[in-house]
Amino acid sequence: MRKRVKGRFVSEVGGGVEAEKRVEQKASGCMLRRPEQCRKFARRRMAEALPDIVDRFIREAKLGSIPHAKALAALGGLDKAESPIQTTRAKRRRPGLTEMLMQELKRGREADGESSSAL
């Protein structure tokens, strides 16, 4: 036999209580979701709340809160090295065989040029 609970027909046999719980959960908006639905739901809710969160972070950073300022810098991407000045030294690598041979040829030509001008 079926009866109506909150506008829905519910079977009394084998799940009347569970069906009522599902109806209550659906009405309250906290239905059980699959993991991918939970991520989408969480992202959507975060996107809705983000402007308020950022405004609060800015207010606290203006009052002098260092952790809030650091979090804002990380959120805005200002913590990454974007300066044109290179702060780390470039690694020096040993010249390869081709480079060594080219340098030797240049030195040989320069030596030949100097010896011919000395004569």
Protein backbone atom coordinates (compact mmCIF):
# COMPACT_ATOMS: atom_id res chain seq x y z
CA MET A 1 0.00 0.00 0.00
CA ARG A 2 1.22 3.49 -0.77
CA LYS A 3 0.71 6.63 1.21
CA ARG A 4 1.58 10.23 0.60
CA VAL A 5 4.41 11.83 2.54
CA LYS A 6 5.14 15.51 1.88
CA GLY A 7 3.44 15.35 -1.50
CA ARG A 8 5.06 12.09 -2.63
CA PHE A 9 3.76 8.55 -2.73
CA VAL A 10 5.81 6.31 -0.44
CA SER A 11 5.59 2.56 -0.05
CA GLU A 12 4.94 1.52 3.53
CA VAL A 13 6.50 -1.88 3.01
CA GLY A 14 10.32 -2.01 2.96
CA GLY A 15 11.46 1.56 3.12
CA GLY A 16 8.83 3.85 4.53
CA VAL A 17 11.29 5.41 6.98
CA GLU A 18 14.11 5.54 4.44
CA ALA A 19 11.81 7.08 1.87
CA GLU A 20 10.79 9.75 4.36
CA LYS A 21 14.46 10.50 5.05
CA ARG A 22 15.13 10.82 1.32
CA VAL A 23 12.19 13.19 0.95
CA GLU A 24 13.48 15.29 3.86
CA GLN A 25 17.01 15.32 2.46
CA LYS A 26 15.78 16.36 -0.96
CA ALA A 27 13.66 19.11 0.53
CA SER A 28 16.61 20.41 2.55
CA GLY A 29 18.94 20.32 -0.49
CA CYS A 30 21.51 17.94 0.99
CA MET A 31 20.90 14.87 -1.12
CA LEU A 32 23.62 12.28 -1.19
CA ARG A 33 25.71 12.86 -4.26
CA ARG A 34 28.28 11.00 -6.27
CA PRO A 35 31.88 12.25 -5.83
CA GLU A 36 31.95 14.15 -9.14
CA GLN A 37 28.70 15.87 -8.21
CA CYS A 38 30.16 16.82 -4.83
CA ARG A 39 33.18 18.44 -6.49
CA LYS A 40 30.98 20.40 -8.88
CA PHE A 41 28.71 21.43 -6.02
CA ALA A 42 31.68 22.50 -3.86
CA ARG A 43 33.28 24.45 -6.74
CA ARG A 44 30.01 26.21 -7.49
CA ARG A 45 29.48 27.14 -3.86
CA MET A 46 33.11 28.35 -3.56
CA ALA A 47 32.73 30.45 -6.71
CA GLU A 48 29.62 32.06 -5.23
CA ALA A 49 31.35 32.80 -1.92
CA LEU A 50 34.76 33.81 -3.32
CA PRO A 51 34.07 37.55 -3.77
CA ASP A 52 33.03 37.85 -0.12
CA ILE A 53 36.03 35.82 1.01
CA VAL A 54 38.46 37.95 -1.00
CA ASP A 55 36.86 41.16 0.31
CA ARG A 56 37.34 39.94 3.87
CA PHE A 57 40.96 38.99 3.15
CA ILE A 58 41.61 42.45 1.70
CA ARG A 59 40.04 44.13 4.73
CA GLU A 60 42.21 42.10 7.11
CA ALA A 61 45.35 42.68 5.02
CA LYS A 62 44.72 46.44 5.04
CA LEU A 63 44.53 46.30 8.83
CA GLY A 64 48.04 44.82 8.84
CA SER A 65 47.53 41.06 8.91
CA ILE A 66 50.63 39.49 7.35
CA PRO A 67 49.09 36.00 6.89
CA HIS A 68 46.12 37.51 5.05
CA ALA A 69 48.45 39.54 2.82
CA LYS A 70 50.51 36.44 2.03
CA ALA A 71 47.39 34.44 1.20
CA LEU A 72 46.19 37.23 -1.12
CA ALA A 73 49.59 37.33 -2.82
CA ALA A 74 49.45 33.57 -3.37
CA LEU A 75 45.86 33.76 -4.61
CA GLY A 76 46.70 36.54 -7.06
CA GLY A 77 49.90 34.89 -8.27
CA LEU A 78 52.11 37.69 -6.96
CA ASP A 79 54.31 35.29 -5.00
CA LYS A 80 55.80 33.80 -8.15
CA ALA A 81 59.02 35.34 -9.43
CA GLU A 82 57.87 37.61 -12.22
CA SER A 83 60.68 40.13 -11.99
CA PRO A 84 62.85 40.56 -15.09
CA ILE A 85 66.00 40.41 -12.97
CA GLN A 86 67.25 36.88 -12.64
CA THR A 87 67.87 36.19 -8.97
CA THR A 88 69.60 32.84 -9.33
CA ARG A 89 72.84 32.24 -11.10
CA ALA A 90 72.74 30.33 -14.32
CA LYS A 91 74.60 27.06 -14.09
CA ARG A 92 77.90 27.12 -15.87
CA ARG A 93 78.37 24.10 -18.00
CA ARG A 94 81.53 22.81 -19.45
CA PRO A 95 81.96 23.45 -23.16
CA GLY A 96 81.21 20.49 -25.39
CA LEU A 97 83.72 18.90 -27.73
CA THR A 98 82.53 20.93 -30.71
CA GLU A 99 82.87 24.20 -28.81
CA MET A 100 86.37 23.23 -27.64
CA LEU A 101 87.44 22.41 -31.21
CA MET A 102 86.03 25.70 -32.54
CA GLN A 103 87.91 27.65 -29.87
CA GLU A 104 91.12 25.76 -30.72
CA LEU A 105 90.69 26.59 -34.42
CA LYS A 106 90.19 30.30 -33.58
CA ARG A 107 93.30 30.30 -31.44
CA GLY A 108 95.26 28.58 -34.24
CA ARG A 109 94.08 31.17 -36.80
CA GLU A 110 94.93 34.03 -34.45
CA ALA A 111 98.35 32.52 -33.84
CA ASP A 112 98.90 32.15 -37.61
CA GLY A 113 97.82 35.76 -38.15
CA GLU A 114 100.24 37.03 -35.51
CA SER A 115 103.17 34.94 -36.78
CA SER A 116 102.66 36.11 -40.40
CA SER A 117 102.48 39.78 -39.32
CA ALA A 118 105.68 39.37 -37.28
CA LEU A 119 107.63 38.33 -40.43
